[in-house]
Amino acid sequence: MSDIKEKLTAEVQKINETITDAKEKAIVMDAVQNMINVFTEHVVKLTERQVEVESRVEEILDMLSSIEDEMIESFADDLQAECPYCKELIPLRFPDDESTDFECPHCHNVIELELMLDGEHEGCGCGCDDCHDCDDDCDCGCEDCDCEDEEE
């Protein structure tokens, strides 16, 4: 803001030095002062609005974060899987840290979750739900799948 003040002061000084008639100088300087006041009022109003908008954005981000947390918690409560050891249904939870291991609450065996972050199947890479392992038994029928070529 000081940069603007310096530029305005320099321009006002030029006007002040250029006009020699005292009455004319007073009229022009009064008009310049009025323009500066109007400009300053608008800058102050814009600054106040910016503070309001930033506050509202922060509130919205907080609400969205709360909604996201609630959705994840709700979704996580609905996920269940069968323990590979005792065959009991157990709730699945999103890991809080880098660990993908958790303990079955029934048999207490450690179970490792495989998280596939890219959402694609390993193997042929065709992306269809039927083709998980590209071996000789793959018969997904997918046109993009390499498995049919591998069988031949």
N, C-alpha and C. Protein backbone atom coordinates (compact mmCIF):
# COMPACT_ATOMS: atom_id res chain seq x y z
N MET A 1 0.83 -1.19 0.00
CA MET A 1 0.00 0.00 0.00
C MET A 1 0.87 1.25 0.00
N SER A 2 2.06 1.16 0.58
CA SER A 2 2.94 2.33 0.63
C SER A 2 3.42 2.72 -0.77
N ASP A 3 3.51 1.74 -1.66
CA ASP A 3 3.91 2.02 -3.05
C ASP A 3 2.86 2.91 -3.72
N ILE A 4 1.60 2.63 -3.50
CA ILE A 4 0.52 3.44 -4.06
C ILE A 4 0.58 4.85 -3.46
N LYS A 5 0.80 4.91 -2.15
CA LYS A 5 0.85 6.21 -1.47
C LYS A 5 1.98 7.07 -2.04
N GLU A 6 3.14 6.46 -2.27
CA GLU A 6 4.28 7.19 -2.83
C GLU A 6 3.97 7.70 -4.24
N LYS A 7 3.35 6.86 -5.05
CA LYS A 7 3.01 7.28 -6.42
C LYS A 7 1.99 8.41 -6.42
N LEU A 8 0.97 8.27 -5.57
CA LEU A 8 -0.04 9.33 -5.49
C LEU A 8 0.57 10.64 -4.99
N THR A 9 1.42 10.55 -4.00
CA THR A 9 2.08 11.75 -3.47
C THR A 9 2.92 12.43 -4.54
N ALA A 10 3.63 11.65 -5.35
CA ALA A 10 4.45 12.21 -6.43
C ALA A 10 3.57 12.91 -7.46
N GLU A 11 2.44 12.30 -7.81
CA GLU A 11 1.54 12.92 -8.80
C GLU A 11 0.92 14.20 -8.25
N VAL A 12 0.54 14.19 -7.00
CA VAL A 12 -0.03 15.39 -6.39
C VAL A 12 1.02 16.50 -6.35
N GLN A 13 2.26 16.13 -6.07
CA GLN A 13 3.36 17.11 -6.04
C GLN A 13 3.55 17.74 -7.42
N LYS A 14 3.45 16.93 -8.49
CA LYS A 14 3.58 17.47 -9.86
C LYS A 14 2.49 18.49 -10.14
N ILE A 15 1.24 18.14 -9.75
CA ILE A 15 0.13 19.07 -9.95
C ILE A 15 0.37 20.36 -9.17
N ASN A 16 0.80 20.20 -7.94
CA ASN A 16 1.04 21.35 -7.07
C ASN A 16 2.12 22.27 -7.65
N GLU A 17 3.16 21.68 -8.24
CA GLU A 17 4.25 22.49 -8.82
C GLU A 17 3.87 23.10 -10.16
N THR A 18 2.97 22.45 -10.90
CA THR A 18 2.61 22.91 -12.24
C THR A 18 1.66 24.11 -12.22
N ILE A 19 0.71 24.10 -11.33
CA ILE A 19 -0.29 25.16 -11.29
C ILE A 19 0.24 26.31 -10.43
N THR A 20 0.24 27.50 -11.06
CA THR A 20 0.78 28.68 -10.36
C THR A 20 -0.33 29.53 -9.74
N ASP A 21 -1.50 29.54 -10.31
CA ASP A 21 -2.61 30.34 -9.77
C ASP A 21 -3.11 29.69 -8.48
N ALA A 22 -3.12 30.44 -7.40
CA ALA A 22 -3.46 29.90 -6.07
C ALA A 22 -4.91 29.41 -6.00
N LYS A 23 -5.83 30.18 -6.59
CA LYS A 23 -7.24 29.80 -6.56
C LYS A 23 -7.45 28.51 -7.36
N GLU A 24 -6.85 28.44 -8.55
CA GLU A 24 -6.96 27.26 -9.41
C GLU A 24 -6.31 26.05 -8.73
N LYS A 25 -5.14 26.29 -8.10
CA LYS A 25 -4.43 25.22 -7.40
C LYS A 25 -5.29 24.65 -6.28
N ALA A 26 -5.99 25.51 -5.53
CA ALA A 26 -6.84 25.06 -4.42
C ALA A 26 -7.99 24.20 -4.93
N ILE A 27 -8.59 24.62 -6.05
CA ILE A 27 -9.71 23.86 -6.63
C ILE A 27 -9.22 22.48 -7.09
N VAL A 28 -8.10 22.44 -7.80
CA VAL A 28 -7.56 21.17 -8.32
C VAL A 28 -7.14 20.27 -7.17
N MET A 29 -6.45 20.83 -6.18
CA MET A 29 -5.98 20.01 -5.05
C MET A 29 -7.17 19.46 -4.25
N ASP A 30 -8.23 20.24 -4.13
CA ASP A 30 -9.43 19.78 -3.45
C ASP A 30 -10.05 18.60 -4.22
N ALA A 31 -10.10 18.72 -5.54
CA ALA A 31 -10.64 17.64 -6.38
C ALA A 31 -9.78 16.38 -6.27
N VAL A 32 -8.47 16.57 -6.28
CA VAL A 32 -7.55 15.43 -6.15
C VAL A 32 -7.75 14.75 -4.79
N GLN A 33 -7.87 15.56 -3.74
CA GLN A 33 -8.08 15.01 -2.39
C GLN A 33 -9.39 14.22 -2.34
N ASN A 34 -10.45 14.72 -2.97
CA ASN A 34 -11.73 14.00 -3.02
C ASN A 34 -11.59 12.66 -3.75
N MET A 35 -10.84 12.69 -4.86
CA MET A 35 -10.63 11.43 -5.60
C MET A 35 -9.86 10.42 -4.75
N ILE A 36 -8.85 10.89 -4.03
CA ILE A 36 -8.06 10.00 -3.17
C ILE A 36 -8.95 9.42 -2.06
N ASN A 37 -9.81 10.26 -1.50
CA ASN A 37 -10.73 9.78 -0.45
C ASN A 37 -11.69 8.72 -0.98
N VAL A 38 -12.24 8.94 -2.17
CA VAL A 38 -13.15 7.96 -2.77
C VAL A 38 -12.40 6.66 -3.02
N PHE A 39 -11.21 6.77 -3.57
CA PHE A 39 -10.38 5.59 -3.83
C PHE A 39 -10.09 4.83 -2.53
N THR A 40 -9.71 5.57 -1.50
CA THR A 40 -9.39 4.96 -0.20
C THR A 40 -10.61 4.25 0.39
N GLU A 41 -11.78 4.87 0.31
CA GLU A 41 -13.01 4.25 0.81
C GLU A 41 -13.27 2.93 0.10
N HIS A 42 -13.08 2.90 -1.21
CA HIS A 42 -13.30 1.66 -1.97
C HIS A 42 -12.29 0.58 -1.60
N VAL A 43 -11.05 0.98 -1.39
CA VAL A 43 -10.03 0.01 -0.99
C VAL A 43 -10.37 -0.58 0.38
N VAL A 44 -10.81 0.27 1.30
CA VAL A 44 -11.19 -0.20 2.63
C VAL A 44 -12.37 -1.17 2.55
N LYS A 45 -13.38 -0.81 1.74
CA LYS A 45 -14.54 -1.70 1.56
C LYS A 45 -14.12 -3.03 0.95
N LEU A 46 -13.26 -3.00 -0.05
CA LEU A 46 -12.78 -4.24 -0.67
C LEU A 46 -12.02 -5.10 0.33
N THR A 47 -11.22 -4.46 1.15
CA THR A 47 -10.45 -5.19 2.17
C THR A 47 -11.40 -5.85 3.17
N GLU A 48 -12.42 -5.12 3.60
CA GLU A 48 -13.41 -5.70 4.53
C GLU A 48 -14.14 -6.87 3.89
N ARG A 49 -14.51 -6.73 2.63
CA ARG A 49 -15.19 -7.84 1.91
C ARG A 49 -14.27 -9.04 1.77
N GLN A 50 -13.01 -8.78 1.51
CA GLN A 50 -12.05 -9.88 1.38
C GLN A 50 -11.95 -10.65 2.70
N VAL A 51 -11.92 -9.93 3.81
CA VAL A 51 -11.85 -10.58 5.12
C VAL A 51 -13.11 -11.43 5.33
N GLU A 52 -14.29 -10.89 4.97
CA GLU A 52 -15.54 -11.64 5.08
C GLU A 52 -15.51 -12.90 4.23
N VAL A 53 -15.07 -12.77 2.99
CA VAL A 53 -15.02 -13.92 2.08
C VAL A 53 -14.05 -14.98 2.60
N GLU A 54 -12.89 -14.56 3.07
CA GLU A 54 -11.93 -15.51 3.62
C GLU A 54 -12.51 -16.24 4.82
N SER A 55 -13.24 -15.52 5.65
CA SER A 55 -13.88 -16.13 6.82
C SER A 55 -14.93 -17.16 6.38
N ARG A 56 -15.73 -16.81 5.39
CA ARG A 56 -16.75 -17.74 4.88
C ARG A 56 -16.11 -18.96 4.23
N VAL A 57 -15.04 -18.75 3.49
CA VAL A 57 -14.33 -19.87 2.86
C VAL A 57 -13.81 -20.81 3.94
N GLU A 58 -13.26 -20.26 5.00
CA GLU A 58 -12.76 -21.09 6.11
C GLU A 58 -13.89 -21.89 6.74
N GLU A 59 -15.06 -21.26 6.94
CA GLU A 59 -16.22 -21.96 7.49
C GLU A 59 -16.65 -23.10 6.56
N ILE A 60 -16.69 -22.82 5.27
CA ILE A 60 -17.08 -23.85 4.29
C ILE A 60 -16.09 -24.99 4.29
N LEU A 61 -14.81 -24.69 4.33
CA LEU A 61 -13.80 -25.75 4.37
C LEU A 61 -13.94 -26.60 5.63
N ASP A 62 -14.23 -25.96 6.76
CA ASP A 62 -14.45 -26.71 8.00
C ASP A 62 -15.67 -27.62 7.88
N MET A 63 -16.77 -27.09 7.29
CA MET A 63 -17.97 -27.91 7.10
C MET A 63 -17.69 -29.08 6.18
N LEU A 64 -16.99 -28.82 5.07
CA LEU A 64 -16.66 -29.90 4.14
C LEU A 64 -15.79 -30.95 4.79
N SER A 65 -14.85 -30.52 5.60
CA SER A 65 -13.99 -31.47 6.31
C SER A 65 -14.82 -32.33 7.26
N SER A 66 -15.76 -31.71 7.97
CA SER A 66 -16.64 -32.46 8.87
C SER A 66 -17.50 -33.45 8.10
N ILE A 67 -18.04 -33.01 6.98
CA ILE A 67 -18.87 -33.89 6.15
C ILE A 67 -18.04 -35.06 5.64
N GLU A 68 -16.83 -34.76 5.18
CA GLU A 68 -15.93 -35.82 4.70
C GLU A 68 -15.65 -36.83 5.81
N ASP A 69 -15.34 -36.34 7.01
CA ASP A 69 -15.06 -37.24 8.13
C ASP A 69 -16.28 -38.11 8.45
N GLU A 70 -17.48 -37.49 8.46
CA GLU A 70 -18.70 -38.24 8.74
C GLU A 70 -18.96 -39.30 7.68
N MET A 71 -18.73 -38.93 6.40
CA MET A 71 -18.96 -39.89 5.31
C MET A 71 -17.99 -41.06 5.40
N ILE A 72 -16.74 -40.77 5.68
CA ILE A 72 -15.74 -41.84 5.80
C ILE A 72 -16.09 -42.73 6.98
N GLU A 73 -16.47 -42.11 8.10
CA GLU A 73 -16.83 -42.89 9.28
C GLU A 73 -18.06 -43.75 9.00
N SER A 74 -19.07 -43.17 8.35
CA SER A 74 -20.29 -43.90 8.02
C SER A 74 -19.99 -45.04 7.05
N PHE A 75 -19.19 -44.75 6.05
CA PHE A 75 -18.83 -45.75 5.05
C PHE A 75 -18.02 -46.87 5.69
N ALA A 76 -17.11 -46.49 6.57
CA ALA A 76 -16.26 -47.49 7.22
C ALA A 76 -17.07 -48.40 8.13
N ASP A 77 -18.14 -47.86 8.74
CA ASP A 77 -18.98 -48.70 9.61
C ASP A 77 -19.71 -49.77 8.82
N ASP A 78 -19.97 -49.52 7.55
CA ASP A 78 -20.71 -50.47 6.72
C ASP A 78 -19.83 -51.55 6.09
N LEU A 79 -18.53 -51.39 6.10
CA LEU A 79 -17.65 -52.35 5.45
C LEU A 79 -17.37 -53.53 6.37
N GLN A 80 -17.61 -54.71 5.84
CA GLN A 80 -17.31 -55.93 6.57
C GLN A 80 -16.67 -56.92 5.61
N ALA A 81 -15.85 -57.80 6.17
CA ALA A 81 -15.23 -58.84 5.36
C ALA A 81 -15.13 -60.10 6.22
N GLU A 82 -14.93 -61.19 5.54
CA GLU A 82 -14.78 -62.46 6.24
C GLU A 82 -13.32 -62.67 6.58
N CYS A 83 -13.07 -63.02 7.82
CA CYS A 83 -11.70 -63.31 8.24
C CYS A 83 -11.25 -64.58 7.53
N PRO A 84 -10.08 -64.56 6.90
CA PRO A 84 -9.62 -65.75 6.17
C PRO A 84 -9.27 -66.92 7.10
N TYR A 85 -9.15 -66.64 8.40
CA TYR A 85 -8.76 -67.70 9.34
C TYR A 85 -9.97 -68.33 10.02
N CYS A 86 -10.83 -67.47 10.64
CA CYS A 86 -11.96 -68.02 11.40
C CYS A 86 -13.29 -67.90 10.67
N LYS A 87 -13.31 -67.24 9.52
CA LYS A 87 -14.49 -67.06 8.67
C LYS A 87 -15.59 -66.20 9.29
N GLU A 88 -15.28 -65.50 10.39
CA GLU A 88 -16.25 -64.60 11.02
C GLU A 88 -16.25 -63.27 10.26
N LEU A 89 -17.41 -62.58 10.24
CA LEU A 89 -17.48 -61.25 9.64
C LEU A 89 -16.84 -60.26 10.59
N ILE A 90 -15.96 -59.45 10.06
CA ILE A 90 -15.28 -58.45 10.87
C ILE A 90 -15.39 -57.09 10.18
N PRO A 91 -15.48 -56.01 10.97
CA PRO A 91 -15.55 -54.68 10.36
C PRO A 91 -14.18 -54.28 9.81
N LEU A 92 -14.20 -53.67 8.64
CA LEU A 92 -12.96 -53.16 8.05
C LEU A 92 -12.86 -51.68 8.40
N ARG A 93 -11.68 -51.24 8.70
CA ARG A 93 -11.42 -49.84 9.01
C ARG A 93 -10.34 -49.32 8.09
N PHE A 94 -10.44 -48.05 7.77
CA PHE A 94 -9.37 -47.42 7.01
C PHE A 94 -8.18 -47.26 7.95
N PRO A 95 -7.01 -47.64 7.50
CA PRO A 95 -5.85 -47.52 8.39
C PRO A 95 -5.54 -46.05 8.67
N ASP A 96 -5.17 -45.77 9.93
CA ASP A 96 -4.83 -44.40 10.33
C ASP A 96 -3.39 -44.05 10.00
N ASP A 97 -2.58 -45.06 9.78
CA ASP A 97 -1.17 -44.82 9.51
C ASP A 97 -0.77 -45.60 8.26
N GLU A 98 0.49 -45.82 8.09
CA GLU A 98 0.98 -46.52 6.91
C GLU A 98 0.73 -48.03 6.98
N SER A 99 0.37 -48.53 8.15
CA SER A 99 0.18 -49.96 8.35
C SER A 99 -1.05 -50.46 7.60
N THR A 100 -0.94 -51.62 7.01
CA THR A 100 -2.09 -52.25 6.35
C THR A 100 -2.45 -53.55 7.06
N ASP A 101 -1.88 -53.77 8.24
CA ASP A 101 -2.17 -54.97 9.03
C ASP A 101 -3.15 -54.63 10.14
N PHE A 102 -4.04 -55.59 10.45
CA PHE A 102 -4.90 -55.44 11.61
C PHE A 102 -5.20 -56.83 12.17
N GLU A 103 -5.70 -56.83 13.37
CA GLU A 103 -5.95 -58.10 14.06
C GLU A 103 -7.43 -58.42 14.04
N CYS A 104 -7.76 -59.68 13.74
CA CYS A 104 -9.14 -60.13 13.79
C CYS A 104 -9.61 -60.10 15.24
N PRO A 105 -10.75 -59.47 15.53
CA PRO A 105 -11.22 -59.39 16.92
C PRO A 105 -11.68 -60.74 17.47
N HIS A 106 -11.91 -61.72 16.59
CA HIS A 106 -12.40 -63.03 17.03
C HIS A 106 -11.26 -64.01 17.28
N CYS A 107 -10.44 -64.25 16.28
CA CYS A 107 -9.38 -65.25 16.41
C CYS A 107 -8.01 -64.64 16.71
N HIS A 108 -7.90 -63.30 16.61
CA HIS A 108 -6.68 -62.55 16.93
C HIS A 108 -5.52 -62.84 15.97
N ASN A 109 -5.80 -63.40 14.82
CA ASN A 109 -4.76 -63.54 13.80
C ASN A 109 -4.57 -62.20 13.10
N VAL A 110 -3.33 -61.95 12.67
CA VAL A 110 -3.02 -60.70 11.97
C VAL A 110 -3.38 -60.88 10.50
N ILE A 111 -4.13 -59.92 9.98
CA ILE A 111 -4.60 -59.95 8.59
C ILE A 111 -3.97 -58.76 7.88
N GLU A 112 -3.45 -58.98 6.69
CA GLU A 112 -2.85 -57.90 5.91
C GLU A 112 -3.82 -57.48 4.81
N LEU A 113 -4.10 -56.19 4.76
CA LEU A 113 -4.95 -55.65 3.70
C LEU A 113 -4.09 -55.26 2.51
N GLU A 114 -4.56 -55.59 1.34
CA GLU A 114 -3.87 -55.13 0.13
C GLU A 114 -4.64 -53.95 -0.41
N LEU A 115 -4.02 -52.78 -0.35
CA LEU A 115 -4.66 -51.57 -0.86
C LEU A 115 -4.14 -51.29 -2.25
N MET A 116 -5.04 -51.30 -3.21
CA MET A 116 -4.63 -50.99 -4.59
C MET A 116 -5.01 -49.55 -4.86
N LEU A 117 -4.05 -48.67 -4.80
CA LEU A 117 -4.30 -47.24 -4.90
C LEU A 117 -4.68 -46.79 -6.29
N ASP A 118 -4.20 -47.48 -7.31
CA ASP A 118 -4.50 -47.02 -8.66
C ASP A 118 -5.81 -47.58 -9.19
N GLY A 119 -6.44 -48.50 -8.49
CA GLY A 119 -7.74 -49.02 -8.90
C GLY A 119 -7.70 -50.00 -10.05
N GLU A 120 -6.54 -50.36 -10.56
CA GLU A 120 -6.47 -51.30 -11.66
C GLU A 120 -6.08 -52.67 -11.13
N HIS A 121 -6.53 -53.71 -11.83
CA HIS A 121 -6.17 -55.08 -11.46
C HIS A 121 -4.74 -55.35 -11.88
N GLU A 122 -4.07 -56.18 -11.11
CA GLU A 122 -2.76 -56.63 -11.55
C GLU A 122 -2.98 -57.70 -12.60
N GLY A 123 -2.04 -57.92 -13.40
CA GLY A 123 -2.18 -58.93 -14.44
C GLY A 123 -2.22 -58.27 -15.79
N CYS A 124 -3.30 -58.49 -16.52
CA CYS A 124 -3.36 -58.02 -17.90
C CYS A 124 -3.53 -56.51 -18.00
N GLY A 125 -4.13 -55.89 -16.98
CA GLY A 125 -4.32 -54.45 -17.01
C GLY A 125 -5.51 -54.00 -17.82
N CYS A 126 -6.39 -54.95 -18.21
CA CYS A 126 -7.54 -54.56 -19.04
C CYS A 126 -8.58 -53.79 -18.23
N GLY A 127 -8.59 -53.97 -16.91
CA GLY A 127 -9.49 -53.21 -16.06
C GLY A 127 -10.87 -53.82 -15.89
N CYS A 128 -11.18 -54.94 -16.53
CA CYS A 128 -12.50 -55.54 -16.35
C CYS A 128 -12.54 -56.26 -15.01
N ASP A 129 -13.74 -56.43 -14.46
CA ASP A 129 -13.88 -57.05 -13.14
C ASP A 129 -13.65 -58.55 -13.15
N ASP A 130 -13.74 -59.19 -14.31
CA ASP A 130 -13.62 -60.64 -14.37
C ASP A 130 -12.18 -61.12 -14.40
N CYS A 131 -11.27 -60.30 -14.86
CA CYS A 131 -9.90 -60.73 -15.07
C CYS A 131 -9.02 -60.25 -13.94
N HIS A 132 -8.66 -61.15 -13.02
CA HIS A 132 -7.80 -60.78 -11.91
C HIS A 132 -6.39 -61.30 -12.08
N ASP A 133 -6.25 -62.49 -12.54
CA ASP A 133 -4.94 -63.09 -12.72
C ASP A 133 -4.81 -63.54 -14.17
N CYS A 134 -3.77 -63.08 -14.82
CA CYS A 134 -3.57 -63.47 -16.20
C CYS A 134 -2.78 -64.78 -16.23
N ASP A 135 -3.51 -65.84 -16.12
CA ASP A 135 -2.88 -67.15 -16.25
C ASP A 135 -3.61 -67.91 -17.35
N ASP A 136 -3.32 -69.14 -17.49
CA ASP A 136 -3.91 -69.93 -18.58
C ASP A 136 -5.41 -70.13 -18.40
N ASP A 137 -5.94 -69.91 -17.19
CA ASP A 137 -7.36 -70.13 -16.93
C ASP A 137 -8.21 -68.89 -17.16
N CYS A 138 -7.61 -67.77 -17.59
CA CYS A 138 -8.35 -66.52 -17.76
C CYS A 138 -9.27 -66.63 -18.96
N ASP A 139 -10.55 -66.41 -18.73
CA ASP A 139 -11.51 -66.41 -19.84
C ASP A 139 -12.50 -65.26 -19.66
N CYS A 140 -11.95 -64.07 -19.43
CA CYS A 140 -12.82 -62.92 -19.16
C CYS A 140 -13.56 -62.47 -20.42
N GLY A 141 -13.05 -62.74 -21.58
CA GLY A 141 -13.72 -62.35 -22.82
C GLY A 141 -13.57 -60.88 -23.16
N CYS A 142 -12.74 -60.19 -22.48
CA CYS A 142 -12.53 -58.76 -22.71
C CYS A 142 -11.75 -58.57 -24.01
N GLU A 143 -12.23 -57.65 -24.86
CA GLU A 143 -11.56 -57.43 -26.15
C GLU A 143 -10.17 -56.84 -25.98
N ASP A 144 -9.98 -56.01 -24.92
CA ASP A 144 -8.69 -55.36 -24.71
C ASP A 144 -7.71 -56.25 -23.96
N CYS A 145 -8.17 -57.38 -23.50
CA CYS A 145 -7.35 -58.23 -22.64
C CYS A 145 -6.29 -58.98 -23.44
N ASP A 146 -5.07 -58.99 -22.89
CA ASP A 146 -3.97 -59.72 -23.51
C ASP A 146 -4.06 -61.21 -23.25
N CYS A 147 -4.91 -61.60 -22.31
CA CYS A 147 -4.95 -63.01 -21.88
C CYS A 147 -5.31 -63.94 -23.01
N GLU A 148 -6.23 -63.49 -23.88
CA GLU A 148 -6.62 -64.36 -25.00
C GLU A 148 -5.41 -64.62 -25.89
N ASP A 149 -4.56 -63.58 -26.08
CA ASP A 149 -3.37 -63.76 -26.92
C ASP A 149 -2.37 -64.67 -26.24
N GLU A 150 -2.30 -64.59 -24.90
CA GLU A 150 -1.34 -65.43 -24.17
C GLU A 150 -1.72 -66.88 -24.25
N GLU A 151 -3.03 -67.18 -24.32
CA GLU A 151 -3.47 -68.56 -24.36
C GLU A 151 -3.08 -69.22 -25.69
N GLU A 152 -3.05 -68.46 -26.76
CA GLU A 152 -2.79 -69.04 -28.08
C GLU A 152 -1.37 -69.38 -28.32
